[in-house]
């Protein structure tokens, strides 16, 4: 793609951040539904700039406050302190435009974990590294509850996570509404640590030194169970995308579970495991009946697998994550 002139808001933000003093060019990057993301070519080299959108690029009417990049920048600083190297270097953040600038990581040697999973490359060691890093961030911030004051983002988290995933799913179909609304209430009232909010394989780069986390627009002081459940949910759903790698994905699920729980220091591991196990079926159902359906779940048979497994687990909750994985595997082989 040829370089072109970025939007005015991004250019103005770059100038206010002191990163550009005149006209620059760039290339729009694909993959995001919630932000304009550009590779900007400066004389010193390329950087990435993103700017939050008010209306997300999905079929449903899904809106979120545009000031969320402010909290993404704050999450990046906290995460980098807890686990150095786990995020791109933060170069600036402009309040007026909502633009955030960060280090550009060349795609030729920073592959998306989602792409690897799509191709059937299920690596339990990498899943374990994701879990260990995530637990380090949660543990570091849980140990410092003053962090909460920097993340007054309950409304943002509801608008961009709880409403489109759990509340929307509770409305259609309504047969598990009570269970889904109970999950919302528990998640909203559990305040333990700094949450990324979108720990998805599409937001994790594979680096030789470990995982690199992107897109913390949903950053929130709340329940770390949401982060683990959100990522484990993707590992289960990938079984429908690349069925030949199902056992590998389940091995990644197990590795992530084990290594994350080993890093839990702020509460009994069994307590957070139970909350994750309860959240998972709600998040599974959300990816077929919520506002952000998984783009690779395209057949009625696949959607039926998700609905049957999720509704059964919502009606009969389990407290252990291996039980969730076993129920999912049993649904896939029946």
Foldseek 3Di string as FASTA:
>chain_A
DDWDFDDPLQVVQCVVLVNDDDTWTWDFDDDFFFWTWTFTQDPVGTKIKIFGDQAGNFPDRAGFDRLLLQVVVVLVVLLCVQPNPQAFAWSDAGRVSSMTIGGDDDCVQWPQLVVCLLVLNQDLVQLLLVLLSLLSSFVVFLVPVVVQVVFPQLVRLCRHPLCQQQVQLCVVPVPLVVLSVVLVVQFSPAFGGKELNQLESRQWIDHPVGIHGDDSSNIHGTQNLNNLLNHLLNLLLSCLSPVVNNVSSVSNSVSSLVSNLVSDDRDNSLVSLQSSQSCNLSRLLRLCRGRHHDPRQDDPLSNVLSVVLSVVCSVPPDRHPVVSSVSSVVSVVD
